[in-house]
PDB file of all heavy atoms in Angstrom:
ATOM      1  N   SER A   1      -6.981  34.429   6.991  1.00  0.00           N
ATOM      2  CA  SER A   1      -8.166  35.026   7.471  1.00  0.00           C
ATOM      3  C   SER A   1      -8.080  36.437   7.087  1.00  0.00           C
ATOM      4  O   SER A   1      -9.218  36.971   6.721  1.00  0.00           O
ATOM      5  CB  SER A   1      -8.174  34.823   9.043  1.00  0.00           C
ATOM      6  OG  SER A   1      -9.204  35.385   9.619  1.00  0.00           O
ATOM      7  N   ILE A   2      -7.056  37.230   7.278  1.00  0.00           N
ATOM      8  CA  ILE A   2      -6.981  38.540   6.932  1.00  0.00           C
ATOM      9  C   ILE A   2      -7.168  38.737   5.456  1.00  0.00           C
ATOM     10  O   ILE A   2      -8.022  39.630   5.067  1.00  0.00           O
ATOM     11  CB  ILE A   2      -5.609  39.269   7.394  1.00  0.00           C
ATOM     12  CG1 ILE A   2      -5.550  39.316   9.018  1.00  0.00           C
ATOM     13  CG2 ILE A   2      -5.379  40.494   6.896  1.00  0.00           C
ATOM     14  CD1 ILE A   2      -4.208  39.676   9.474  1.00  0.00           C
ATOM     15  N   CYS A   3      -6.581  37.938   4.626  1.00  0.00           N
ATOM     16  CA  CYS A   3      -6.646  38.007   3.140  1.00  0.00           C
ATOM     17  C   CYS A   3      -8.189  37.828   2.707  1.00  0.00           C
ATOM     18  O   CYS A   3      -8.784  38.530   1.912  1.00  0.00           O
ATOM     19  CB  CYS A   3      -5.818  37.113   2.454  1.00  0.00           C
ATOM     20  SG  CYS A   3      -4.146  37.636   2.519  1.00  0.00           S
ATOM     21  N   SER A   4      -8.729  36.829   3.409  1.00  0.00           N
ATOM     22  CA  SER A   4     -10.227  36.521   3.014  1.00  0.00           C
ATOM     23  C   SER A   4     -11.224  37.718   3.464  1.00  0.00           C
ATOM     24  O   SER A   4     -12.085  37.964   2.712  1.00  0.00           O
ATOM     25  CB  SER A   4     -10.603  35.254   3.791  1.00  0.00           C
ATOM     26  OG  SER A   4      -9.899  34.163   3.204  1.00  0.00           O
ATOM     27  N   LEU A   5     -10.886  38.308   4.668  1.00  0.00           N
ATOM     28  CA  LEU A   5     -11.643  39.325   4.966  1.00  0.00           C
ATOM     29  C   LEU A   5     -11.539  40.589   3.935  1.00  0.00           C
ATOM     30  O   LEU A   5     -12.547  41.325   3.641  1.00  0.00           O
ATOM     31  CB  LEU A   5     -11.321  39.943   6.334  1.00  0.00           C
ATOM     32  CG  LEU A   5     -11.957  41.106   6.939  1.00  0.00           C
ATOM     33  CD1 LEU A   5     -13.486  40.832   6.999  1.00  0.00           C
ATOM     34  CD2 LEU A   5     -11.378  41.487   8.239  1.00  0.00           C
ATOM     35  N   PHE A   6     -10.313  40.785   3.509  1.00  0.00           N
ATOM     36  CA  PHE A   6     -10.039  41.774   2.434  1.00  0.00           C
ATOM     37  C   PHE A   6     -10.844  41.452   1.234  1.00  0.00           C
ATOM     38  O   PHE A   6     -11.416  42.409   0.507  1.00  0.00           O
ATOM     39  CB  PHE A   6      -8.613  42.054   2.218  1.00  0.00           C
ATOM     40  CG  PHE A   6      -7.793  43.001   3.312  1.00  0.00           C
ATOM     41  CD1 PHE A   6      -6.681  42.531   3.826  1.00  0.00           C
ATOM     42  CD2 PHE A   6      -8.351  44.125   3.675  1.00  0.00           C
ATOM     43  CE1 PHE A   6      -5.935  43.046   4.809  1.00  0.00           C
ATOM     44  CE2 PHE A   6      -7.681  44.965   4.565  1.00  0.00           C
ATOM     45  CZ  PHE A   6      -6.578  44.268   5.145  1.00  0.00           C
ATOM     46  N   VAL A   7     -10.852  40.224   0.869  1.00  0.00           N
ATOM     47  CA  VAL A   7     -11.554  39.862  -0.402  1.00  0.00           C
ATOM     48  C   VAL A   7     -12.978  40.126  -0.211  1.00  0.00           C
ATOM     49  O   VAL A   7     -13.748  40.605  -1.171  1.00  0.00           O
ATOM     50  CB  VAL A   7     -11.312  38.385  -0.779  1.00  0.00           C
ATOM     51  CG1 VAL A   7     -12.250  37.926  -1.880  1.00  0.00           C
ATOM     52  CG2 VAL A   7      -9.862  38.183  -1.238  1.00  0.00           C
ATOM     53  N   PHE A   8     -13.571  39.808   0.985  1.00  0.00           N
ATOM     54  CA  PHE A   8     -14.999  40.019   1.318  1.00  0.00           C
ATOM     55  C   PHE A   8     -15.356  41.560   1.226  1.00  0.00           C
ATOM     56  O   PHE A   8     -16.323  41.881   0.528  1.00  0.00           O
ATOM     57  CB  PHE A   8     -15.365  39.510   2.634  1.00  0.00           C
ATOM     58  CG  PHE A   8     -16.580  39.851   3.154  1.00  0.00           C
ATOM     59  CD1 PHE A   8     -17.798  39.266   2.492  1.00  0.00           C
ATOM     60  CD2 PHE A   8     -16.859  40.852   4.053  1.00  0.00           C
ATOM     61  CE1 PHE A   8     -19.096  39.554   3.051  1.00  0.00           C
ATOM     62  CE2 PHE A   8     -18.142  41.158   4.663  1.00  0.00           C
ATOM     63  CZ  PHE A   8     -19.202  40.613   3.977  1.00  0.00           C
ATOM     64  N   LEU A   9     -14.402  42.354   1.818  1.00  0.00           N
ATOM     65  CA  LEU A   9     -14.728  43.808   1.729  1.00  0.00           C
ATOM     66  C   LEU A   9     -14.603  44.363   0.303  1.00  0.00           C
ATOM     67  O   LEU A   9     -15.406  45.147   0.025  1.00  0.00           O
ATOM     68  CB  LEU A   9     -13.663  44.548   2.730  1.00  0.00           C
ATOM     69  CG  LEU A   9     -13.895  44.166   4.256  1.00  0.00           C
ATOM     70  CD1 LEU A   9     -12.602  44.861   4.923  1.00  0.00           C
ATOM     71  CD2 LEU A   9     -15.221  44.790   4.688  1.00  0.00           C
ATOM     72  N   ALA A  10     -13.772  43.705  -0.477  1.00  0.00           N
ATOM     73  CA  ALA A  10     -13.510  44.263  -1.898  1.00  0.00           C
ATOM     74  C   ALA A  10     -14.744  43.854  -2.649  1.00  0.00           C
ATOM     75  O   ALA A  10     -15.412  44.648  -3.362  1.00  0.00           O
ATOM     76  CB  ALA A  10     -12.470  43.485  -2.541  1.00  0.00           C
ATOM     77  N   PHE A  11     -15.435  42.601  -2.335  1.00  0.00           N
ATOM     78  CA  PHE A  11     -16.684  42.145  -2.991  1.00  0.00           C
ATOM     79  C   PHE A  11     -17.809  43.129  -2.533  1.00  0.00           C
ATOM     80  O   PHE A  11     -18.623  43.544  -3.280  1.00  0.00           O
ATOM     81  CB  PHE A  11     -17.065  40.745  -2.619  1.00  0.00           C
ATOM     82  CG  PHE A  11     -16.277  39.803  -3.300  1.00  0.00           C
ATOM     83  CD1 PHE A  11     -15.077  39.996  -4.044  1.00  0.00           C
ATOM     84  CD2 PHE A  11     -16.650  38.452  -3.295  1.00  0.00           C
ATOM     85  CE1 PHE A  11     -14.528  38.967  -4.813  1.00  0.00           C
ATOM     86  CE2 PHE A  11     -15.984  37.482  -3.974  1.00  0.00           C
ATOM     87  CZ  PHE A  11     -14.841  37.785  -4.752  1.00  0.00           C
ATOM     88  N   VAL A  12     -17.858  43.550  -1.256  1.00  0.00           N
ATOM     89  CA  VAL A  12     -18.852  44.453  -0.854  1.00  0.00           C
ATOM     90  C   VAL A  12     -18.755  45.789  -1.560  1.00  0.00           C
ATOM     91  O   VAL A  12     -19.742  46.403  -1.972  1.00  0.00           O
ATOM     92  CB  VAL A  12     -18.720  44.561   0.746  1.00  0.00           C
ATOM     93  CG1 VAL A  12     -19.702  45.684   1.128  1.00  0.00           C
ATOM     94  CG2 VAL A  12     -19.296  43.243   1.421  1.00  0.00           C
ATOM     95  N   SER A  13     -17.517  46.326  -1.515  1.00  0.00           N
ATOM     96  CA  SER A  13     -17.287  47.621  -2.417  1.00  0.00           C
ATOM     97  C   SER A  13     -17.712  47.427  -3.813  1.00  0.00           C
ATOM     98  O   SER A  13     -18.259  48.387  -4.423  1.00  0.00           O
ATOM     99  CB  SER A  13     -15.844  47.927  -2.305  1.00  0.00           C
ATOM    100  OG  SER A  13     -15.528  48.125  -0.978  1.00  0.00           O
ATOM    101  N   ILE A  14     -17.354  46.354  -4.446  1.00  0.00           N
ATOM    102  CA  ILE A  14     -17.771  46.212  -5.927  1.00  0.00           C
ATOM    103  C   ILE A  14     -19.237  46.204  -6.028  1.00  0.00           C
ATOM    104  O   ILE A  14     -19.881  46.868  -6.943  1.00  0.00           O
ATOM    105  CB  ILE A  14     -17.227  44.922  -6.453  1.00  0.00           C
ATOM    106  CG1 ILE A  14     -15.644  45.062  -6.570  1.00  0.00           C
ATOM    107  CG2 ILE A  14     -17.841  44.457  -7.811  1.00  0.00           C
ATOM    108  CD1 ILE A  14     -14.856  43.629  -6.953  1.00  0.00           C
ATOM    109  N   LYS A  15     -19.958  45.390  -5.115  1.00  0.00           N
ATOM    110  CA  LYS A  15     -21.461  45.412  -5.120  1.00  0.00           C
ATOM    111  C   LYS A  15     -22.068  46.852  -4.834  1.00  0.00           C
ATOM    112  O   LYS A  15     -23.068  47.164  -5.634  1.00  0.00           O
ATOM    113  CB  LYS A  15     -21.882  44.523  -3.992  1.00  0.00           C
ATOM    114  CG  LYS A  15     -23.386  44.250  -3.878  1.00  0.00           C
ATOM    115  CD  LYS A  15     -23.724  43.329  -4.794  1.00  0.00           C
ATOM    116  CE  LYS A  15     -25.218  42.929  -4.615  1.00  0.00           C
ATOM    117  NZ  LYS A  15     -25.947  42.379  -5.711  1.00  0.00           N
ATOM    118  N   LYS A  16     -21.358  47.650  -4.065  1.00  0.00           N
ATOM    119  CA  LYS A  16     -21.951  48.891  -3.928  1.00  0.00           C
ATOM    120  C   LYS A  16     -21.619  49.924  -4.950  1.00  0.00           C
ATOM    121  O   LYS A  16     -22.470  50.717  -5.322  1.00  0.00           O
ATOM    122  CB  LYS A  16     -21.349  49.491  -2.523  1.00  0.00           C
ATOM    123  CG  LYS A  16     -21.866  50.744  -2.045  1.00  0.00           C
ATOM    124  CD  LYS A  16     -21.477  51.050  -0.606  1.00  0.00           C
ATOM    125  CE  LYS A  16     -22.216  52.402  -0.165  1.00  0.00           C
ATOM    126  NZ  LYS A  16     -21.792  52.802   1.100  1.00  0.00           N
ATOM    127  N   PHE A  17     -20.367  49.963  -5.471  1.00  0.00           N
ATOM    128  CA  PHE A  17     -20.053  51.010  -6.337  1.00  0.00           C
ATOM    129  C   PHE A  17     -19.976  50.677  -7.933  1.00  0.00           C
ATOM    130  O   PHE A  17     -19.948  51.510  -8.647  1.00  0.00           O
ATOM    131  CB  PHE A  17     -18.593  51.490  -6.003  1.00  0.00           C
ATOM    132  CG  PHE A  17     -18.636  52.150  -4.567  1.00  0.00           C
ATOM    133  CD1 PHE A  17     -17.972  51.526  -3.475  1.00  0.00           C
ATOM    134  CD2 PHE A  17     -19.353  53.307  -4.382  1.00  0.00           C
ATOM    135  CE1 PHE A  17     -17.981  52.159  -2.211  1.00  0.00           C
ATOM    136  CE2 PHE A  17     -19.372  53.967  -3.013  1.00  0.00           C
ATOM    137  CZ  PHE A  17     -18.622  53.287  -2.068  1.00  0.00           C
ATOM    138  N   TYR A  18     -19.809  49.355  -8.198  1.00  0.00           N
ATOM    139  CA  TYR A  18     -19.638  48.988  -9.612  1.00  0.00           C
ATOM    140  C   TYR A  18     -20.769  48.063 -10.056  1.00  0.00           C
ATOM    141  O   TYR A  18     -20.296  47.006 -10.523  1.00  0.00           O
ATOM    142  CB  TYR A  18     -18.150  48.336  -9.736  1.00  0.00           C
ATOM    143  CG  TYR A  18     -17.085  49.406  -9.430  1.00  0.00           C
ATOM    144  CD1 TYR A  18     -16.461  49.167  -8.276  1.00  0.00           C
ATOM    145  CD2 TYR A  18     -16.835  50.473 -10.176  1.00  0.00           C
ATOM    146  CE1 TYR A  18     -15.538  49.946  -7.851  1.00  0.00           C
ATOM    147  CE2 TYR A  18     -15.881  51.244  -9.881  1.00  0.00           C
ATOM    148  CZ  TYR A  18     -15.039  51.147  -8.695  1.00  0.00           C
ATOM    149  OH  TYR A  18     -14.181  52.008  -8.383  1.00  0.00           O
ATOM    150  N   LYS A  19     -21.876  48.288  -9.943  1.00  0.00           N
ATOM    151  CA  LYS A  19     -23.030  47.450 -10.181  1.00  0.00           C
ATOM    152  C   LYS A  19     -22.898  46.982 -11.666  1.00  0.00           C
ATOM    153  O   LYS A  19     -23.328  45.894 -12.043  1.00  0.00           O
ATOM    154  CB  LYS A  19     -24.298  47.964  -9.931  1.00  0.00           C
ATOM    155  CG  LYS A  19     -24.449  48.192  -8.531  1.00  0.00           C
ATOM    156  CD  LYS A  19     -25.878  48.715  -8.027  1.00  0.00           C
ATOM    157  CE  LYS A  19     -25.648  49.034  -6.464  1.00  0.00           C
ATOM    158  NZ  LYS A  19     -26.803  48.628  -5.837  1.00  0.00           N
ATOM    159  N   LYS A  20     -22.363  47.845 -12.671  1.00  0.00           N
ATOM    160  CA  LYS A  20     -22.373  47.467 -13.987  1.00  0.00           C
ATOM    161  C   LYS A  20     -21.494  46.341 -14.317  1.00  0.00           C
ATOM    162  O   LYS A  20     -21.600  45.640 -15.346  1.00  0.00           O
ATOM    163  CB  LYS A  20     -22.104  48.749 -14.898  1.00  0.00           C
ATOM    164  CG  LYS A  20     -23.083  49.811 -14.882  1.00  0.00           C
ATOM    165  CD  LYS A  20     -22.738  50.871 -15.768  1.00  0.00           C
ATOM    166  CE  LYS A  20     -23.791  52.009 -15.766  1.00  0.00           C
ATOM    167  NZ  LYS A  20     -23.410  53.112 -16.602  1.00  0.00           N
ATOM    168  N   ALA A  21     -20.552  46.074 -13.420  1.00  0.00           N
ATOM    169  CA  ALA A  21     -19.508  45.008 -13.718  1.00  0.00           C
ATOM    170  C   ALA A  21     -20.078  43.784 -13.249  1.00  0.00           C
ATOM    171  O   ALA A  21     -19.477  42.694 -13.564  1.00  0.00           O
ATOM    172  CB  ALA A  21     -18.282  45.270 -12.766  1.00  0.00           C
ATOM    173  N   GLU A  22     -21.240  43.630 -12.710  1.00  0.00           N
ATOM    174  CA  GLU A  22     -21.774  42.340 -12.167  1.00  0.00           C
ATOM    175  C   GLU A  22     -22.510  41.650 -13.261  1.00  0.00           C
ATOM    176  O   GLU A  22     -23.279  42.246 -14.101  1.00  0.00           O
ATOM    177  CB  GLU A  22     -22.716  42.595 -11.043  1.00  0.00           C
ATOM    178  CG  GLU A  22     -22.083  43.223  -9.802  1.00  0.00           C
ATOM    179  CD  GLU A  22     -23.071  43.380  -8.705  1.00  0.00           C
ATOM    180  OE1 GLU A  22     -24.345  43.060  -8.763  1.00  0.00           O
ATOM    181  OE2 GLU A  22     -22.681  43.945  -7.580  1.00  0.00           O
ATOM    182  N   PHE A  23     -22.350  40.361 -13.280  1.00  0.00           N
ATOM    183  CA  PHE A  23     -23.125  39.533 -14.138  1.00  0.00           C
ATOM    184  C   PHE A  23     -23.134  38.133 -13.482  1.00  0.00           C
ATOM    185  O   PHE A  23     -22.276  37.819 -12.602  1.00  0.00           O
ATOM    186  CB  PHE A  23     -22.503  39.405 -15.627  1.00  0.00           C
ATOM    187  CG  PHE A  23     -20.968  39.299 -15.644  1.00  0.00           C
ATOM    188  CD1 PHE A  23     -20.417  37.981 -15.715  1.00  0.00           C
ATOM    189  CD2 PHE A  23     -20.269  40.311 -15.779  1.00  0.00           C
ATOM    190  CE1 PHE A  23     -19.102  37.808 -15.743  1.00  0.00           C
ATOM    191  CE2 PHE A  23     -18.869  40.136 -15.698  1.00  0.00           C
ATOM    192  CZ  PHE A  23     -18.188  38.894 -15.815  1.00  0.00           C
ATOM    193  N   THR A  24     -23.914  37.092 -13.928  1.00  0.00           N
ATOM    194  CA  THR A  24     -23.975  35.779 -13.350  1.00  0.00           C
ATOM    195  C   THR A  24     -22.642  35.229 -13.508  1.00  0.00           C
ATOM    196  O   THR A  24     -21.977  35.105 -14.594  1.00  0.00           O
ATOM    197  CB  THR A  24     -25.016  35.035 -14.099  1.00  0.00           C
ATOM    198  OG1 THR A  24     -26.294  35.636 -13.968  1.00  0.00           O
ATOM    199  CG2 THR A  24     -25.144  33.640 -13.538  1.00  0.00           C
ATOM    200  N   GLY A  25     -21.978  34.682 -12.392  1.00  0.00           N
ATOM    201  CA  GLY A  25     -20.713  34.099 -12.485  1.00  0.00           C
ATOM    202  C   GLY A  25     -19.610  35.043 -12.023  1.00  0.00           C
ATOM    203  O   GLY A  25     -18.446  34.618 -11.888  1.00  0.00           O
ATOM    204  N   PHE A  26     -19.949  36.328 -11.949  1.00  0.00           N
ATOM    205  CA  PHE A  26     -18.922  37.319 -11.644  1.00  0.00           C
ATOM    206  C   PHE A  26     -18.117  37.020 -10.332  1.00  0.00           C
ATOM    207  O   PHE A  26     -16.942  36.965 -10.316  1.00  0.00           O
ATOM    208  CB  PHE A  26     -19.462  38.748 -11.649  1.00  0.00           C
ATOM    209  CG  PHE A  26     -18.556  39.897 -11.327  1.00  0.00           C
ATOM    210  CD1 PHE A  26     -17.632  40.222 -12.323  1.00  0.00           C
ATOM    211  CD2 PHE A  26     -18.613  40.509 -10.162  1.00  0.00           C
ATOM    212  CE1 PHE A  26     -16.844  41.349 -12.039  1.00  0.00           C
ATOM    213  CE2 PHE A  26     -17.704  41.623  -9.738  1.00  0.00           C
ATOM    214  CZ  PHE A  26     -16.780  41.999 -10.827  1.00  0.00           C
ATOM    215  N   TYR A  27     -18.834  36.883  -9.232  1.00  0.00           N
ATOM    216  CA  TYR A  27     -18.302  36.728  -7.950  1.00  0.00           C
ATOM    217  C   TYR A  27     -17.660  35.357  -7.721  1.00  0.00           C
ATOM    218  O   TYR A  27     -16.697  35.255  -7.163  1.00  0.00           O
ATOM    219  CB  TYR A  27     -19.246  37.024  -6.822  1.00  0.00           C
ATOM    220  CG  TYR A  27     -19.606  38.503  -6.732  1.00  0.00           C
ATOM    221  CD1 TYR A  27     -20.796  38.789  -7.114  1.00  0.00           C
ATOM    222  CD2 TYR A  27     -18.710  39.397  -6.295  1.00  0.00           C
ATOM    223  CE1 TYR A  27     -21.234  40.253  -7.048  1.00  0.00           C
ATOM    224  CE2 TYR A  27     -19.058  40.778  -6.212  1.00  0.00           C
ATOM    225  CZ  TYR A  27     -20.293  41.133  -6.571  1.00  0.00           C
ATOM    226  OH  TYR A  27     -20.623  42.454  -6.436  1.00  0.00           O
ATOM    227  N   THR A  28     -18.229  34.395  -8.440  1.00  0.00           N
ATOM    228  CA  THR A  28     -17.650  33.065  -8.475  1.00  0.00           C
ATOM    229  C   THR A  28     -16.317  33.079  -9.098  1.00  0.00           C
ATOM    230  O   THR A  28     -15.130  32.541  -8.588  1.00  0.00           O
ATOM    231  CB  THR A  28     -18.586  31.996  -9.205  1.00  0.00           C
ATOM    232  OG1 THR A  28     -19.799  32.006  -8.536  1.00  0.00           O
ATOM    233  CG2 THR A  28     -17.971  30.636  -9.104  1.00  0.00           C
ATOM    234  N   GLY A  29     -16.180  33.642 -10.240  1.00  0.00           N
ATOM    235  CA  GLY A  29     -14.879  33.793 -10.891  1.00  0.00           C
ATOM    236  C   GLY A  29     -13.858  34.642 -10.102  1.00  0.00           C
ATOM    237  O   GLY A  29     -12.668  34.162 -10.037  1.00  0.00           O
ATOM    238  N   LEU A  30     -14.281  35.684  -9.587  1.00  0.00           N
ATOM    239  CA  LEU A  30     -13.408  36.442  -8.696  1.00  0.00           C
ATOM    240  C   LEU A  30     -13.017  35.718  -7.460  1.00  0.00           C
ATOM    241  O   LEU A  30     -11.717  35.859  -7.114  1.00  0.00           O
ATOM    242  CB  LEU A  30     -14.030  37.782  -8.338  1.00  0.00           C
ATOM    243  CG  LEU A  30     -14.073  38.902  -9.438  1.00  0.00           C
ATOM    244  CD1 LEU A  30     -14.656  40.116  -8.734  1.00  0.00           C
ATOM    245  CD2 LEU A  30     -12.780  39.150  -9.962  1.00  0.00           C
ATOM    246  N   TYR A  31     -13.830  35.076  -6.928  1.00  0.00           N
ATOM    247  CA  TYR A  31     -13.512  34.289  -5.765  1.00  0.00           C
ATOM    248  C   TYR A  31     -12.516  33.153  -6.058  1.00  0.00           C
ATOM    249  O   TYR A  31     -11.491  33.094  -5.372  1.00  0.00           O
ATOM    250  CB  TYR A  31     -14.691  33.626  -5.044  1.00  0.00           C
ATOM    251  CG  TYR A  31     -14.333  32.715  -3.888  1.00  0.00           C
ATOM    252  CD1 TYR A  31     -13.919  33.280  -2.643  1.00  0.00           C
ATOM    253  CD2 TYR A  31     -14.258  31.370  -4.067  1.00  0.00           C
ATOM    254  CE1 TYR A  31     -13.529  32.490  -1.685  1.00  0.00           C
ATOM    255  CE2 TYR A  31     -13.867  30.516  -3.005  1.00  0.00           C
ATOM    256  CZ  TYR A  31     -13.500  31.121  -1.758  1.00  0.00           C
ATOM    257  OH  TYR A  31     -13.056  30.386  -0.774  1.00  0.00           O
ATOM    258  N   LEU A  32     -12.607  32.380  -7.141  1.00  0.00           N
ATOM    259  CA  LEU A  32     -11.676  31.484  -7.572  1.00  0.00           C
ATOM    260  C   LEU A  32     -10.386  32.059  -7.803  1.00  0.00           C
ATOM    261  O   LEU A  32      -9.180  31.526  -7.309  1.00  0.00           O
ATOM    262  CB  LEU A  32     -12.262  30.600  -8.710  1.00  0.00           C
ATOM    263  CG  LEU A  32     -13.276  29.740  -8.494  1.00  0.00           C
ATOM    264  CD1 LEU A  32     -13.873  29.278  -9.815  1.00  0.00           C
ATOM    265  CD2 LEU A  32     -13.033  28.526  -7.474  1.00  0.00           C
ATOM    266  N   ILE A  33     -10.197  33.161  -8.499  1.00  0.00           N
ATOM    267  CA  ILE A  33      -8.910  33.791  -8.765  1.00  0.00           C
ATOM    268  C   ILE A  33      -8.297  34.259  -7.494  1.00  0.00           C
ATOM    269  O   ILE A  33      -7.124  34.122  -7.215  1.00  0.00           O
ATOM    270  CB  ILE A  33      -9.257  34.966  -9.682  1.00  0.00           C
ATOM    271  CG1 ILE A  33      -9.715  34.452 -11.140  1.00  0.00           C
ATOM    272  CG2 ILE A  33      -7.985  35.840  -9.905  1.00  0.00           C
ATOM    273  CD1 ILE A  33     -10.218  35.587 -12.154  1.00  0.00           C
ATOM    274  N   SER A  34      -9.074  35.006  -6.558  1.00  0.00           N
ATOM    275  CA  SER A  34      -8.571  35.605  -5.429  1.00  0.00           C
ATOM    276  C   SER A  34      -8.089  34.548  -4.400  1.00  0.00           C
ATOM    277  O   SER A  34      -6.969  34.585  -3.840  1.00  0.00           O
ATOM    278  CB  SER A  34      -9.490  36.450  -4.710  1.00  0.00           C
ATOM    279  OG  SER A  34     -10.607  35.923  -4.206  1.00  0.00           O
ATOM    280  N   TYR A  35      -8.881  33.289  -4.351  1.00  0.00           N
ATOM    281  CA  TYR A  35      -8.487  32.349  -3.515  1.00  0.00           C
ATOM    282  C   TYR A  35      -7.104  31.637  -3.958  1.00  0.00           C
ATOM    283  O   TYR A  35      -6.227  31.249  -3.207  1.00  0.00           O
ATOM    284  CB  TYR A  35      -9.545  31.245  -3.352  1.00  0.00           C
ATOM    285  CG  TYR A  35      -9.177  30.096  -2.349  1.00  0.00           C
ATOM    286  CD1 TYR A  35      -8.994  30.326  -0.972  1.00  0.00           C
ATOM    287  CD2 TYR A  35      -8.837  28.837  -2.724  1.00  0.00           C
ATOM    288  CE1 TYR A  35      -8.617  29.341  -0.018  1.00  0.00           C
ATOM    289  CE2 TYR A  35      -8.536  27.853  -1.944  1.00  0.00           C
ATOM    290  CZ  TYR A  35      -8.361  28.027  -0.558  1.00  0.00           C
ATOM    291  OH  TYR A  35      -7.970  27.098   0.414  1.00  0.00           O
ATOM    292  N   GLY A  36      -7.097  31.384  -5.292  1.00  0.00           N
ATOM    293  CA  GLY A  36      -5.823  30.896  -5.831  1.00  0.00           C
ATOM    294  C   GLY A  36      -4.659  31.735  -5.607  1.00  0.00           C
ATOM    295  O   GLY A  36      -3.593  31.240  -5.297  1.00  0.00           O
ATOM    296  N   ILE A  37      -4.718  33.087  -5.784  1.00  0.00           N
ATOM    297  CA  ILE A  37      -3.637  34.012  -5.520  1.00  0.00           C
ATOM    298  C   ILE A  37      -3.317  33.874  -4.078  1.00  0.00           C
ATOM    299  O   ILE A  37      -2.109  33.873  -3.669  1.00  0.00           O
ATOM    300  CB  ILE A  37      -4.055  35.416  -6.051  1.00  0.00           C
ATOM    301  CG1 ILE A  37      -4.193  35.377  -7.419  1.00  0.00           C
ATOM    302  CG2 ILE A  37      -3.087  36.305  -5.469  1.00  0.00           C
ATOM    303  CD1 ILE A  37      -4.665  36.694  -8.075  1.00  0.00           C
ATOM    304  N   ILE A  38      -4.199  33.874  -3.096  1.00  0.00           N
ATOM    305  CA  ILE A  38      -3.921  33.987  -1.655  1.00  0.00           C
ATOM    306  C   ILE A  38      -3.245  32.569  -1.438  1.00  0.00           C
ATOM    307  O   ILE A  38      -2.095  32.713  -0.720  1.00  0.00           O
ATOM    308  CB  ILE A  38      -5.235  33.937  -0.805  1.00  0.00           C
ATOM    309  CG1 ILE A  38      -5.789  35.391  -0.950  1.00  0.00           C
ATOM    310  CG2 ILE A  38      -4.947  33.681   0.600  1.00  0.00           C
ATOM    311  CD1 ILE A  38      -7.228  35.501  -0.454  1.00  0.00           C
ATOM    312  N   ARG A  39      -3.629  31.510  -1.914  1.00  0.00           N
ATOM    313  CA  ARG A  39      -2.944  30.156  -1.608  1.00  0.00           C
ATOM    314  C   ARG A  39      -1.542  30.313  -2.121  1.00  0.00           C
ATOM    315  O   ARG A  39      -0.497  29.773  -1.638  1.00  0.00           O
ATOM    316  CB  ARG A  39      -3.622  29.020  -2.164  1.00  0.00           C
ATOM    317  CG  ARG A  39      -4.927  28.766  -1.411  1.00  0.00           C
ATOM    318  CD  ARG A  39      -4.656  28.165   0.053  1.00  0.00           C
ATOM    319  NE  ARG A  39      -3.803  27.011   0.144  1.00  0.00           N
ATOM    320  CZ  ARG A  39      -4.220  25.873   0.359  1.00  0.00           C
ATOM    321  NH1 ARG A  39      -5.554  25.690   0.525  1.00  0.00           N
ATOM    322  NH2 ARG A  39      -3.255  24.852   0.489  1.00  0.00           N
ATOM    323  N   LEU A  40      -1.303  30.714  -3.406  1.00  0.00           N
ATOM    324  CA  LEU A  40      -0.056  30.861  -4.004  1.00  0.00           C
ATOM    325  C   LEU A  40       0.877  31.654  -3.153  1.00  0.00           C
ATOM    326  O   LEU A  40       2.085  31.332  -2.896  1.00  0.00           O
ATOM    327  CB  LEU A  40      -0.113  31.437  -5.402  1.00  0.00           C
ATOM    328  CG  LEU A  40      -0.296  30.535  -6.660  1.00  0.00           C
ATOM    329  CD1 LEU A  40      -0.591  31.390  -7.831  1.00  0.00           C
ATOM    330  CD2 LEU A  40       0.657  29.574  -6.798  1.00  0.00           C
ATOM    331  N   LEU A  41       0.518  32.837  -2.652  1.00  0.00           N
ATOM    332  CA  LEU A  41       1.315  33.754  -1.926  1.00  0.00           C
ATOM    333  C   LEU A  41       1.553  33.135  -0.418  1.00  0.00           C
ATOM    334  O   LEU A  41       2.644  33.435   0.116  1.00  0.00           O
ATOM    335  CB  LEU A  41       0.673  35.080  -1.872  1.00  0.00           C
ATOM    336  CG  LEU A  41       0.596  35.751  -3.183  1.00  0.00           C
ATOM    337  CD1 LEU A  41      -0.074  37.112  -2.919  1.00  0.00           C
ATOM    338  CD2 LEU A  41       1.801  36.012  -3.882  1.00  0.00           C
ATOM    339  N   LEU A  42       0.657  32.466   0.189  1.00  0.00           N
ATOM    340  CA  LEU A  42       0.745  32.069   1.606  1.00  0.00           C
ATOM    341  C   LEU A  42       1.322  30.672   1.742  1.00  0.00           C
ATOM    342  O   LEU A  42       1.628  30.336   3.001  1.00  0.00           O
ATOM    343  CB  LEU A  42      -0.583  32.296   2.319  1.00  0.00           C
ATOM    344  CG  LEU A  42      -1.080  33.716   2.273  1.00  0.00           C
ATOM    345  CD1 LEU A  42      -2.360  33.774   3.020  1.00  0.00           C
ATOM    346  CD2 LEU A  42      -0.061  34.604   3.039  1.00  0.00           C
ATOM    347  N   GLU A  43       1.348  29.791   0.855  1.00  0.00           N
ATOM    348  CA  GLU A  43       1.616  28.512   1.052  1.00  0.00           C
ATOM    349  C   GLU A  43       2.945  28.260   1.694  1.00  0.00           C
ATOM    350  O   GLU A  43       3.124  27.487   2.679  1.00  0.00           O
ATOM    351  CB  GLU A  43       1.653  27.636  -0.234  1.00  0.00           C
ATOM    352  CG  GLU A  43       1.855  26.160  -0.147  1.00  0.00           C
ATOM    353  CD  GLU A  43       0.738  25.492   0.649  1.00  0.00           C
ATOM    354  OE1 GLU A  43      -0.368  25.980   0.698  1.00  0.00           O
ATOM    355  OE2 GLU A  43       1.116  24.340   1.323  1.00  0.00           O
ATOM    356  N   HIS A  44       3.923  29.041   1.530  1.00  0.00           N
ATOM    357  CA  HIS A  44       5.206  28.913   2.158  1.00  0.00           C
ATOM    358  C   HIS A  44       5.198  29.236   3.593  1.00  0.00           C
ATOM    359  O   HIS A  44       6.087  28.935   4.381  1.00  0.00           O
ATOM    360  CB  HIS A  44       6.247  29.892   1.509  1.00  0.00           C
ATOM    361  CG  HIS A  44       5.999  31.394   1.796  1.00  0.00           C
ATOM    362  ND1 HIS A  44       5.155  31.980   1.061  1.00  0.00           N
ATOM    363  CD2 HIS A  44       6.624  32.229   2.590  1.00  0.00           C
ATOM    364  CE1 HIS A  44       5.126  33.339   1.550  1.00  0.00           C
ATOM    365  NE2 HIS A  44       6.059  33.299   2.476  1.00  0.00           N
ATOM    366  N   THR A  45       4.028  29.772   4.193  1.00  0.00           N
ATOM    367  CA  THR A  45       3.996  30.064   5.547  1.00  0.00           C
ATOM    368  C   THR A  45       3.330  28.955   6.310  1.00  0.00           C
ATOM    369  O   THR A  45       3.431  28.986   7.535  1.00  0.00           O
ATOM    370  CB  THR A  45       3.199  31.244   5.894  1.00  0.00           C
ATOM    371  OG1 THR A  45       1.861  31.060   5.427  1.00  0.00           O
ATOM    372  CG2 THR A  45       3.764  32.507   5.116  1.00  0.00           C
TER     373      THR A  45
END
């Protein structure tokens, strides 16, 4: 839950400050990567 909130806040920050980095599929790709990393790190818990 905490990690997902941080990812959401990161996405909001990217949306606000780095608009040139956005393109179709940008957030989908980032979400899949971030979710995969979160699961890798937390599965042992």
